[in-house]
PDB file of N, CA and C in Angstrom:
ATOM      1  N   MET A   1     -40.221 -92.415  41.999  1.00  0.00           N
ATOM      2  CA  MET A   1     -41.571 -92.801  41.668  1.00  0.00           C
ATOM      3  C   MET A   1     -42.572 -92.268  42.707  1.00  0.00           C
ATOM      4  N   ILE A   2     -42.230 -92.386  43.986  1.00  0.00           N
ATOM      5  CA  ILE A   2     -43.164 -91.886  44.991  1.00  0.00           C
ATOM      6  C   ILE A   2     -43.207 -90.359  44.998  1.00  0.00           C
ATOM      7  N   ALA A   3     -42.108 -89.735  44.634  1.00  0.00           N
ATOM      8  CA  ALA A   3     -42.111 -88.270  44.543  1.00  0.00           C
ATOM      9  C   ALA A   3     -43.025 -87.804  43.415  1.00  0.00           C
ATOM     10  N   ILE A   4     -42.996 -88.513  42.301  1.00  0.00           N
ATOM     11  CA  ILE A   4     -43.861 -88.168  41.170  1.00  0.00           C
ATOM     12  C   ILE A   4     -45.325 -88.385  41.538  1.00  0.00           C
ATOM     13  N   ALA A   5     -45.621 -89.505  42.199  1.00  0.00           N
ATOM     14  CA  ALA A   5     -46.999 -89.782  42.617  1.00  0.00           C
ATOM     15  C   ALA A   5     -47.479 -88.729  43.619  1.00  0.00           C
ATOM     16  N   THR A   6     -46.589 -88.282  44.499  1.00  0.00           N
ATOM     17  CA  THR A   6     -46.960 -87.260  45.474  1.00  0.00           C
ATOM     18  C   THR A   6     -47.294 -85.945  44.782  1.00  0.00           C
ATOM     19  N   VAL A   7     -46.454 -85.550  43.839  1.00  0.00           N
ATOM     20  CA  VAL A   7     -46.697 -84.297  43.121  1.00  0.00           C
ATOM     21  C   VAL A   7     -47.989 -84.371  42.304  1.00  0.00           C
ATOM     22  N   LEU A   8     -48.238 -85.520  41.693  1.00  0.00           N
ATOM     23  CA  LEU A   8     -49.413 -85.654  40.825  1.00  0.00           C
ATOM     24  C   LEU A   8     -50.725 -85.805  41.582  1.00  0.00           C
ATOM     25  N   PHE A   9     -50.712 -86.460  42.748  1.00  0.00           N
ATOM     26  CA  PHE A   9     -51.974 -86.837  43.379  1.00  0.00           C
ATOM     27  C   PHE A   9     -52.282 -86.172  44.712  1.00  0.00           C
ATOM     28  N   ALA A  10     -51.300 -85.756  45.500  1.00  0.00           N
ATOM     29  CA  ALA A  10     -51.573 -85.302  46.869  1.00  0.00           C
ATOM     30  C   ALA A  10     -52.453 -84.050  46.910  1.00  0.00           C
ATOM     31  N   PHE A  11     -52.031 -82.980  46.265  1.00  0.00           N
ATOM     32  CA  PHE A  11     -52.816 -81.743  46.301  1.00  0.00           C
ATOM     33  C   PHE A  11     -54.188 -81.912  45.644  1.00  0.00           C
ATOM     34  N   PRO A  12     -54.281 -82.528  44.437  1.00  0.00           N
ATOM     35  CA  PRO A  12     -55.613 -82.689  43.836  1.00  0.00           C
ATOM     36  C   PRO A  12     -56.566 -83.537  44.675  1.00  0.00           C
ATOM     37  N   LEU A  13     -56.049 -84.565  45.359  1.00  0.00           N
ATOM     38  CA  LEU A  13     -56.939 -85.359  46.219  1.00  0.00           C
ATOM     39  C   LEU A  13     -57.506 -84.500  47.337  1.00  0.00           C
ATOM     40  N   GLY A  14     -56.668 -83.691  47.973  1.00  0.00           N
ATOM     41  CA  GLY A  14     -57.158 -82.804  49.022  1.00  0.00           C
ATOM     42  C   GLY A  14     -58.103 -81.745  48.493  1.00  0.00           C
ATOM     43  N   PHE A  15     -57.848 -81.276  47.284  1.00  0.00           N
ATOM     44  CA  PHE A  15     -58.661 -80.212  46.702  1.00  0.00           C
ATOM     45  C   PHE A  15     -60.040 -80.711  46.280  1.00  0.00           C
ATOM     46  N   PHE A  16     -60.104 -81.852  45.621  1.00  0.00           N
ATOM     47  CA  PHE A  16     -61.356 -82.313  45.030  1.00  0.00           C
ATOM     48  C   PHE A  16     -62.221 -83.166  45.956  1.00  0.00           C
ATOM     49  N   LEU A  17     -61.641 -83.828  46.938  1.00  0.00           N
ATOM     50  CA  LEU A  17     -62.447 -84.642  47.849  1.00  0.00           C
ATOM     51  C   LEU A  17     -62.870 -83.796  49.041  1.00  0.00           C
ATOM     52  N   ARG A  18     -64.151 -83.774  49.302  1.00  0.00           N
ATOM     53  CA  ARG A  18     -64.661 -82.961  50.404  1.00  0.00           C
ATOM     54  C   ARG A  18     -64.275 -83.544  51.763  1.00  0.00           C
ATOM     55  N   ASN A  19     -64.213 -84.847  51.853  1.00  0.00           N
ATOM     56  CA  ASN A  19     -63.872 -85.508  53.100  1.00  0.00           C
ATOM     57  C   ASN A  19     -62.348 -85.636  53.195  1.00  0.00           C
ATOM     58  N   ARG A  20     -61.758 -84.985  54.184  1.00  0.00           N
ATOM     59  CA  ARG A  20     -60.302 -84.999  54.308  1.00  0.00           C
ATOM     60  C   ARG A  20     -59.785 -86.388  54.639  1.00  0.00           C
ATOM     61  N   LEU A  21     -60.516 -87.154  55.433  1.00  0.00           N
ATOM     62  CA  LEU A  21     -60.091 -88.520  55.747  1.00  0.00           C
ATOM     63  C   LEU A  21     -60.035 -89.376  54.486  1.00  0.00           C
ATOM     64  N   ALA A  22     -61.017 -89.222  53.621  1.00  0.00           N
ATOM     65  CA  ALA A  22     -61.017 -89.971  52.358  1.00  0.00           C
ATOM     66  C   ALA A  22     -59.831 -89.563  51.485  1.00  0.00           C
ATOM     67  N   ALA A  23     -59.479 -88.281  51.494  1.00  0.00           N
ATOM     68  CA  ALA A  23     -58.332 -87.816  50.719  1.00  0.00           C
ATOM     69  C   ALA A  23     -57.035 -88.408  51.261  1.00  0.00           C
ATOM     70  N   HIS A  24     -56.901 -88.438  52.577  1.00  0.00           N
ATOM     71  CA  HIS A  24     -55.700 -89.023  53.177  1.00  0.00           C
ATOM     72  C   HIS A  24     -55.616 -90.525  52.909  1.00  0.00           C
ATOM     73  N   VAL A  25     -56.718 -91.216  53.025  1.00  0.00           N
ATOM     74  CA  VAL A  25     -56.715 -92.666  52.774  1.00  0.00           C
ATOM     75  C   VAL A  25     -56.382 -92.949  51.316  1.00  0.00           C
ATOM     76  N   ALA A  26     -56.910 -92.165  50.407  1.00  0.00           N
ATOM     77  CA  ALA A  26     -56.597 -92.349  48.991  1.00  0.00           C
ATOM     78  C   ALA A  26     -55.120 -92.084  48.725  1.00  0.00           C
ATOM     79  N   TYR A  27     -54.572 -91.027  49.331  1.00  0.00           N
ATOM     80  CA  TYR A  27     -53.142 -90.742  49.147  1.00  0.00           C
ATOM     81  C   TYR A  27     -52.285 -91.856  49.744  1.00  0.00           C
ATOM     82  N   ILE A  28     -52.654 -92.333  50.922  1.00  0.00           N
ATOM     83  CA  ILE A  28     -51.882 -93.412  51.555  1.00  0.00           C
ATOM     84  C   ILE A  28     -51.914 -94.669  50.688  1.00  0.00           C
ATOM     85  N   ALA A  29     -53.062 -94.966  50.088  1.00  0.00           N
ATOM     86  CA  ALA A  29     -53.153 -96.147  49.219  1.00  0.00           C
ATOM     87  C   ALA A  29     -52.267 -95.990  47.983  1.00  0.00           C
ATOM     88  N   ILE A  30     -52.294 -94.827  47.372  1.00  0.00           N
ATOM     89  CA  ILE A  30     -51.442 -94.576  46.195  1.00  0.00           C
ATOM     90  C   ILE A  30     -49.973 -94.619  46.588  1.00  0.00           C
ATOM     91  N   PHE A  31     -49.627 -94.004  47.709  1.00  0.00           N
ATOM     92  CA  PHE A  31     -48.247 -94.002  48.179  1.00  0.00           C
ATOM     93  C   PHE A  31     -47.770 -95.418  48.480  1.00  0.00           C
ATOM     94  N   ALA A  32     -48.602 -96.209  49.147  1.00  0.00           N
ATOM     95  CA  ALA A  32     -48.208 -97.565  49.509  1.00  0.00           C
ATOM     96  C   ALA A  32     -47.945 -98.418  48.266  1.00  0.00           C
ATOM     97  N   TYR A  33     -48.791 -98.283  47.264  1.00  0.00           N
ATOM     98  CA  TYR A  33     -48.586 -99.048  46.035  1.00  0.00           C
ATOM     99  C   TYR A  33     -47.282 -98.630  45.359  1.00  0.00           C
ATOM    100  N   CYS A  34     -47.071 -97.335  45.218  1.00  0.00           N
ATOM    101  CA  CYS A  34     -45.850 -96.841  44.558  1.00  0.00           C
ATOM    102  C   CYS A  34     -44.610 -97.156  45.380  1.00  0.00           C
ATOM    103  N   PHE A  35     -44.704 -97.060  46.706  1.00  0.00           N
ATOM    104  CA  PHE A  35     -43.572 -97.374  47.568  1.00  0.00           C
ATOM    105  C   PHE A  35     -43.176 -98.840  47.441  1.00  0.00           C
ATOM    106  N   THR A  36     -44.150 -99.718  47.409  1.00  0.00           N
ATOM    107  CA  THR A  36     -43.860-101.144  47.258  1.00  0.00           C
ATOM    108  C   THR A  36     -43.201-101.417  45.921  1.00  0.00           C
ATOM    109  N   PHE A  37     -43.731-100.861  44.866  1.00  0.00           N
ATOM    110  CA  PHE A  37     -43.154-101.068  43.534  1.00  0.00           C
ATOM    111  C   PHE A  37     -41.745-100.482  43.458  1.00  0.00           C
ATOM    112  N   GLN A  38     -41.555 -99.274  44.010  1.00  0.00           N
ATOM    113  CA  GLN A  38     -40.237 -98.641  43.981  1.00  0.00           C
ATOM    114  C   GLN A  38     -39.225 -99.445  44.790  1.00  0.00           C
ATOM    115  N   THR A  39     -39.619 -99.921  45.964  1.00  0.00           N
ATOM    116  CA  THR A  39     -38.709-100.708  46.788  1.00  0.00           C
ATOM    117  C   THR A  39     -38.315-101.997  46.084  1.00  0.00           C
ATOM    118  N   LEU A  40     -39.256-102.652  45.435  1.00  0.00           N
ATOM    119  CA  LEU A  40     -38.950-103.869  44.690  1.00  0.00           C
ATOM    120  C   LEU A  40     -37.981-103.582  43.553  1.00  0.00           C
ATOM    121  N   TYR A  41     -38.191-102.494  42.856  1.00  0.00           N
ATOM    122  CA  TYR A  41     -37.313-102.105  41.757  1.00  0.00           C
ATOM    123  C   TYR A  41     -35.894-101.842  42.257  1.00  0.00           C
ATOM    124  N   LEU A  42     -35.774-101.100  43.374  1.00  0.00           N
ATOM    125  CA  LEU A  42     -34.460-100.800  43.924  1.00  0.00           C
ATOM    126  C   LEU A  42     -33.796-102.030  44.537  1.00  0.00           C
ATOM    127  N   LEU A  43     -34.588-102.916  45.111  1.00  0.00           N
ATOM    128  CA  LEU A  43     -34.046-104.148  45.680  1.00  0.00           C
ATOM    129  C   LEU A  43     -33.485-105.061  44.595  1.00  0.00           C
ATOM    130  N   ARG A  44     -34.158-105.114  43.473  1.00  0.00           N
ATOM    131  CA  ARG A  44     -33.635-105.899  42.344  1.00  0.00           C
ATOM    132  C   ARG A  44     -32.322-105.327  41.845  1.00  0.00           C
ATOM    133  N   ALA A  45     -32.209-104.010  41.807  1.00  0.00           N
ATOM    134  CA  ALA A  45     -30.953-103.386  41.399  1.00  0.00           C
ATOM    135  C   ALA A  45     -29.860-103.648  42.430  1.00  0.00           C
ATOM    136  N   TRP A  46     -30.213-103.664  43.717  1.00  0.00           N
ATOM    137  CA  TRP A  46     -29.245-103.931  44.781  1.00  0.00           C
ATOM    138  C   TRP A  46     -28.702-105.353  44.684  1.00  0.00           C
ATOM    139  N   VAL A  47     -29.576-106.296  44.395  1.00  0.00           N
ATOM    140  CA  VAL A  47     -29.140-107.683  44.223  1.00  0.00           C
ATOM    141  C   VAL A  47     -28.213-107.795  43.011  1.00  0.00           C
ATOM    142  N   GLY A  48     -28.429-106.975  42.018  1.00  0.00           N
ATOM    143  CA  GLY A  48     -27.584-106.959  40.840  1.00  0.00           C
ATOM    144  C   GLY A  48     -26.327-106.120  41.020  1.00  0.00           C
ATOM    145  N   ASP A  49     -25.934-105.790  42.243  1.00  0.00           N
ATOM    146  CA  ASP A  49     -24.698-105.105  42.605  1.00  0.00           C
ATOM    147  C   ASP A  49     -24.745-103.587  42.447  1.00  0.00           C
ATOM    148  N   SER A  50     -25.904-102.978  42.493  1.00  0.00           N
ATOM    149  CA  SER A  50     -26.007-101.523  42.517  1.00  0.00           C
ATOM    150  C   SER A  50     -26.196-101.089  43.966  1.00  0.00           C
ATOM    151  N   HIS A  51     -25.384-100.161  44.436  1.00  0.00           N
ATOM    152  CA  HIS A  51     -25.449 -99.731  45.834  1.00  0.00           C
ATOM    153  C   HIS A  51     -25.797 -98.258  45.944  1.00  0.00           C
ATOM    154  N   GLN A  52     -26.602 -97.761  45.036  1.00  0.00           N
ATOM    155  CA  GLN A  52     -26.991 -96.359  45.062  1.00  0.00           C
ATOM    156  C   GLN A  52     -28.093 -96.085  46.089  1.00  0.00           C
ATOM    157  N   ALA A  53     -29.040 -97.008  46.227  1.00  0.00           N
ATOM    158  CA  ALA A  53     -30.150 -96.783  47.153  1.00  0.00           C
ATOM    159  C   ALA A  53     -29.921 -97.452  48.498  1.00  0.00           C
ATOM    160  N   PHE A  54     -29.341 -98.639  48.488  1.00  0.00           N
ATOM    161  CA  PHE A  54     -29.130 -99.406  49.712  1.00  0.00           C
ATOM    162  C   PHE A  54     -27.638 -99.633  49.916  1.00  0.00           C
ATOM    163  N   PRO A  55     -27.182 -99.721  51.175  1.00  0.00           N
ATOM    164  CA  PRO A  55     -25.762 -99.965  51.417  1.00  0.00           C
ATOM    165  C   PRO A  55     -25.345-101.362  50.957  1.00  0.00           C
ATOM    166  N   ALA A  56     -24.039-101.509  50.679  1.00  0.00           N
ATOM    167  CA  ALA A  56     -23.515-102.787  50.196  1.00  0.00           C
ATOM    168  C   ALA A  56     -23.609-103.867  51.272  1.00  0.00           C
ATOM    169  N   ASP A  57     -23.440-103.493  52.533  1.00  0.00           N
ATOM    170  CA  ASP A  57     -23.498-104.452  53.642  1.00  0.00           C
ATOM    171  C   ASP A  57     -24.953-104.743  53.992  1.00  0.00           C
ATOM    172  N   PRO A  58     -25.406-105.988  53.866  1.00  0.00           N
ATOM    173  CA  PRO A  58     -26.816-106.288  54.158  1.00  0.00           C
ATOM    174  C   PRO A  58     -27.178-106.150  55.639  1.00  0.00           C
ATOM    175  N   ASP A  59     -26.186-106.056  56.520  1.00  0.00           N
ATOM    176  CA  ASP A  59     -26.473-105.896  57.945  1.00  0.00           C
ATOM    177  C   ASP A  59     -26.719-104.434  58.339  1.00  0.00           C
ATOM    178  N   ARG A  60     -26.365-103.486  57.468  1.00  0.00           N
ATOM    179  CA  ARG A  60     -26.626-102.069  57.729  1.00  0.00           C
ATOM    180  C   ARG A  60     -28.023-101.713  57.240  1.00  0.00           C
ATOM    181  N   LEU A  61     -28.746-100.998  58.057  1.00  0.00           N
ATOM    182  CA  LEU A  61     -30.089-100.581  57.673  1.00  0.00           C
ATOM    183  C   LEU A  61     -30.016 -99.348  56.775  1.00  0.00           C
ATOM    184  N   PRO A  62     -30.873 -99.264  55.772  1.00  0.00           N
ATOM    185  CA  PRO A  62     -30.844 -98.115  54.846  1.00  0.00           C
ATOM    186  C   PRO A  62     -31.592 -96.910  55.412  1.00  0.00           C
ATOM    187  N   PHE A  63     -30.983 -96.246  56.402  1.00  0.00           N
ATOM    188  CA  PHE A  63     -31.639 -95.096  57.035  1.00  0.00           C
ATOM    189  C   PHE A  63     -31.788 -93.923  56.072  1.00  0.00           C
ATOM    190  N   GLY A  64     -30.899 -93.794  55.111  1.00  0.00           N
ATOM    191  CA  GLY A  64     -31.027 -92.724  54.124  1.00  0.00           C
ATOM    192  C   GLY A  64     -32.292 -92.890  53.287  1.00  0.00           C
ATOM    193  N   TYR A  65     -32.551 -94.120  52.861  1.00  0.00           N
ATOM    194  CA  TYR A  65     -33.769 -94.417  52.092  1.00  0.00           C
ATOM    195  C   TYR A  65     -35.007 -94.163  52.950  1.00  0.00           C
ATOM    196  N   LEU A  66     -34.932 -94.540  54.219  1.00  0.00           N
ATOM    197  CA  LEU A  66     -36.040 -94.301  55.142  1.00  0.00           C
ATOM    198  C   LEU A  66     -36.300 -92.812  55.310  1.00  0.00           C
ATOM    199  N   ALA A  67     -35.239 -92.028  55.446  1.00  0.00           N
ATOM    200  CA  ALA A  67     -35.400 -90.587  55.643  1.00  0.00           C
ATOM    201  C   ALA A  67     -36.009 -89.918  54.412  1.00  0.00           C
ATOM    202  N   VAL A  68     -35.542 -90.289  53.237  1.00  0.00           N
ATOM    203  CA  VAL A  68     -36.045 -89.672  52.007  1.00  0.00           C
ATOM    204  C   VAL A  68     -37.510 -90.045  51.778  1.00  0.00           C
ATOM    205  N   THR A  69     -37.842 -91.318  51.886  1.00  0.00           N
ATOM    206  CA  THR A  69     -39.229 -91.732  51.648  1.00  0.00           C
ATOM    207  C   THR A  69     -40.158 -91.210  52.743  1.00  0.00           C
ATOM    208  N   GLY A  70     -39.677 -91.168  53.979  1.00  0.00           N
ATOM    209  CA  GLY A  70     -40.482 -90.590  55.060  1.00  0.00           C
ATOM    210  C   GLY A  70     -40.743 -89.112  54.854  1.00  0.00           C
ATOM    211  N   GLY A  71     -39.732 -88.400  54.376  1.00  0.00           N
ATOM    212  CA  GLY A  71     -39.909 -86.981  54.075  1.00  0.00           C
ATOM    213  C   GLY A  71     -40.915 -86.753  52.963  1.00  0.00           C
ATOM    214  N   ILE A  72     -40.850 -87.573  51.931  1.00  0.00           N
ATOM    215  CA  ILE A  72     -41.812 -87.459  50.831  1.00  0.00           C
ATOM    216  C   ILE A  72     -43.221 -87.764  51.320  1.00  0.00           C
ATOM    217  N   TYR A  73     -43.351 -88.743  52.212  1.00  0.00           N
ATOM    218  CA  TYR A  73     -44.650 -89.102  52.778  1.00  0.00           C
ATOM    219  C   TYR A  73     -45.236 -87.940  53.583  1.00  0.00           C
ATOM    220  N   ILE A  74     -44.413 -87.298  54.395  1.00  0.00           N
ATOM    221  CA  ILE A  74     -44.873 -86.165  55.201  1.00  0.00           C
ATOM    222  C   ILE A  74     -45.271 -84.990  54.305  1.00  0.00           C
ATOM    223  N   VAL A  75     -44.454 -84.695  53.306  1.00  0.00           N
ATOM    224  CA  VAL A  75     -44.766 -83.604  52.375  1.00  0.00           C
ATOM    225  C   VAL A  75     -46.080 -83.899  51.641  1.00  0.00           C
ATOM    226  N   GLY A  76     -46.289 -85.148  51.253  1.00  0.00           N
ATOM    227  CA  GLY A  76     -47.532 -85.519  50.575  1.00  0.00           C
ATOM    228  C   GLY A  76     -48.753 -85.301  51.453  1.00  0.00           C
ATOM    229  N   ASN A  77     -48.659 -85.688  52.718  1.00  0.00           N
ATOM    230  CA  ASN A  77     -49.791 -85.471  53.617  1.00  0.00           C
ATOM    231  C   ASN A  77     -50.030 -83.991  53.871  1.00  0.00           C
ATOM    232  N   LEU A  78     -48.968 -83.208  53.923  1.00  0.00           N
ATOM    233  CA  LEU A  78     -49.135 -81.759  54.055  1.00  0.00           C
ATOM    234  C   LEU A  78     -49.781 -81.160  52.808  1.00  0.00           C
ATOM    235  N   LEU A  79     -49.441 -81.698  51.634  1.00  0.00           N
ATOM    236  CA  LEU A  79     -50.089 -81.230  50.399  1.00  0.00           C
ATOM    237  C   LEU A  79     -51.570 -81.595  50.369  1.00  0.00           C
ATOM    238  N   VAL A  80     -51.924 -82.738  50.919  1.00  0.00           N
ATOM    239  CA  VAL A  80     -53.341 -83.107  51.017  1.00  0.00           C
ATOM    240  C   VAL A  80     -54.076 -82.106  51.909  1.00  0.00           C
ATOM    241  N   VAL A  81     -53.474 -81.763  53.043  1.00  0.00           N
ATOM    242  CA  VAL A  81     -54.095 -80.792  53.955  1.00  0.00           C
ATOM    243  C   VAL A  81     -54.216 -79.430  53.278  1.00  0.00           C
ATOM    244  N   LEU A  82     -53.155 -78.997  52.596  1.00  0.00           N
ATOM    245  CA  LEU A  82     -53.193 -77.713  51.890  1.00  0.00           C
ATOM    246  C   LEU A  82     -54.261 -77.722  50.800  1.00  0.00           C
ATOM    247  N   GLY A  83     -54.331 -78.775  50.029  1.00  0.00           N
ATOM    248  CA  GLY A  83     -55.355 -78.881  48.994  1.00  0.00           C
ATOM    249  C   GLY A  83     -56.754 -78.857  49.572  1.00  0.00           C
ATOM    250  N   HIS A  84     -56.936 -79.513  50.719  1.00  0.00           N
ATOM    251  CA  HIS A  84     -58.250 -79.524  51.355  1.00  0.00           C
ATOM    252  C   HIS A  84     -58.635 -78.123  51.835  1.00  0.00           C
ATOM    253  N   ARG A  85     -57.677 -77.401  52.400  1.00  0.00           N
ATOM    254  CA  ARG A  85     -57.974 -76.042  52.874  1.00  0.00           C
ATOM    255  C   ARG A  85     -58.312 -75.108  51.714  1.00  0.00           C
ATOM    256  N   VAL A  86     -57.527 -75.203  50.643  1.00  0.00           N
ATOM    257  CA  VAL A  86     -57.791 -74.350  49.474  1.00  0.00           C
ATOM    258  C   VAL A  86     -59.144 -74.715  48.861  1.00  0.00           C
ATOM    259  N   GLY A  87     -59.421 -75.998  48.718  1.00  0.00           N
ATOM    260  CA  GLY A  87     -60.705 -76.430  48.156  1.00  0.00           C
ATOM    261  C   GLY A  87     -61.872 -76.053  49.037  1.00  0.00           C
ATOM    262  N   ASN A  88     -61.697 -76.172  50.337  1.00  0.00           N
ATOM    263  CA  ASN A  88     -62.764 -75.810  51.269  1.00  0.00           C
ATOM    264  C   ASN A  88     -63.031 -74.309  51.226  1.00  0.00           C
ATOM    265  N   ARG A  89     -61.983 -73.526  51.165  1.00  0.00           N
ATOM    266  CA  ARG A  89     -62.143 -72.071  51.083  1.00  0.00           C
ATOM    267  C   ARG A  89     -62.842 -71.692  49.780  1.00  0.00           C
ATOM    268  N   ARG A  90     -62.510 -72.381  48.730  1.00  0.00           N
ATOM    269  CA  ARG A  90     -63.110 -72.086  47.428  1.00  0.00           C
ATOM    270  C   ARG A  90     -64.582 -72.497  47.376  1.00  0.00           C
ATOM    271  N   ARG A  91     -64.910 -73.613  48.027  1.00  0.00           N
ATOM    272  CA  ARG A  91     -66.299 -74.087  48.031  1.00  0.00           C
ATOM    273  C   ARG A  91     -67.200 -73.245  48.919  1.00  0.00           C
ATOM    274  N   THR A  92     -66.664 -72.682  49.991  1.00  0.00           N
ATOM    275  CA  THR A  92     -67.499 -71.939  50.941  1.00  0.00           C
ATOM    276  C   THR A  92     -67.460 -70.436  50.724  1.00  0.00           C
ATOM    277  N   ARG A  93     -66.843 -70.000  49.656  1.00  0.00           N
ATOM    278  CA  ARG A  93     -66.778 -68.563  49.368  1.00  0.00           C
ATOM    279  C   ARG A  93     -68.193 -68.045  49.115  1.00  0.00           C
ATOM    280  N   ALA A  94     -68.538 -66.964  49.785  1.00  0.00           N
ATOM    281  CA  ALA A  94     -69.876 -66.385  49.652  1.00  0.00           C
ATOM    282  C   ALA A  94     -69.967 -65.586  48.359  1.00  0.00           C
ATOM    283  N   VAL A  95     -71.065 -65.787  47.672  1.00  0.00           N
ATOM    284  CA  VAL A  95     -71.295 -65.056  46.433  1.00  0.00           C
ATOM    285  C   VAL A  95     -72.594 -64.276  46.607  1.00  0.00           C
ATOM    286  N   ASP A  96     -72.524 -62.967  46.390  1.00  0.00           N
ATOM    287  CA  ASP A  96     -73.710 -62.115  46.500  1.00  0.00           C
ATOM    288  C   ASP A  96     -74.362 -62.050  45.131  1.00  0.00           C
ATOM    289  N   LEU A  97     -75.565 -62.596  45.028  1.00  0.00           N
ATOM    290  CA  LEU A  97     -76.278 -62.637  43.753  1.00  0.00           C
ATOM    291  C   LEU A  97     -77.298 -61.511  43.606  1.00  0.00           C
ATOM    292  N   ASP A  98     -77.381 -60.634  44.605  1.00  0.00           N
ATOM    293  CA  ASP A  98     -78.312 -59.500  44.511  1.00  0.00           C
ATOM    294  C   ASP A  98     -77.755 -58.489  43.524  1.00  0.00           C
ATOM    295  N   PRO A  99     -78.646 -57.911  42.695  1.00  0.00           N
ATOM    296  CA  PRO A  99     -78.173 -56.880  41.766  1.00  0.00           C
ATOM    297  C   PRO A  99     -77.743 -55.632  42.503  1.00  0.00           C
ATOM    298  N   VAL A 100     -76.847 -54.910  41.925  1.00  0.00           N
ATOM    299  CA  VAL A 100     -76.365 -53.664  42.521  1.00  0.00           C
ATOM    300  C   VAL A 100     -77.459 -52.626  42.421  1.00  0.00           C
ATOM    301  N   LYS A 101     -77.703 -51.919  43.496  1.00  0.00           N
ATOM    302  CA  LYS A 101     -78.789 -50.928  43.515  1.00  0.00           C
ATOM    303  C   LYS A 101     -78.291 -49.555  43.250  1.00  0.00           C
TER     304      LYS A 101
END
């Protein structure tokens, strides 16, 4: 779910919002909402005896889940930066409106 949200929203937020801080805050808000919902969904499956996302032992920390979600978070922020650079370059491109002589 967070991977889908990252693909759908990270680059366009950086591209369309002129303020990079606003783009990052918007992405973080979307990511946080999706991360919370995804974690709740996976936690419910874990309680129901599914051990695909979290280990069976409740005393072991799910470092694999942390690594994957952290990686998606970093990639999303990099996509925001890339979108901002592409959008900024596109907005500041000089256009010569003088007729050819």
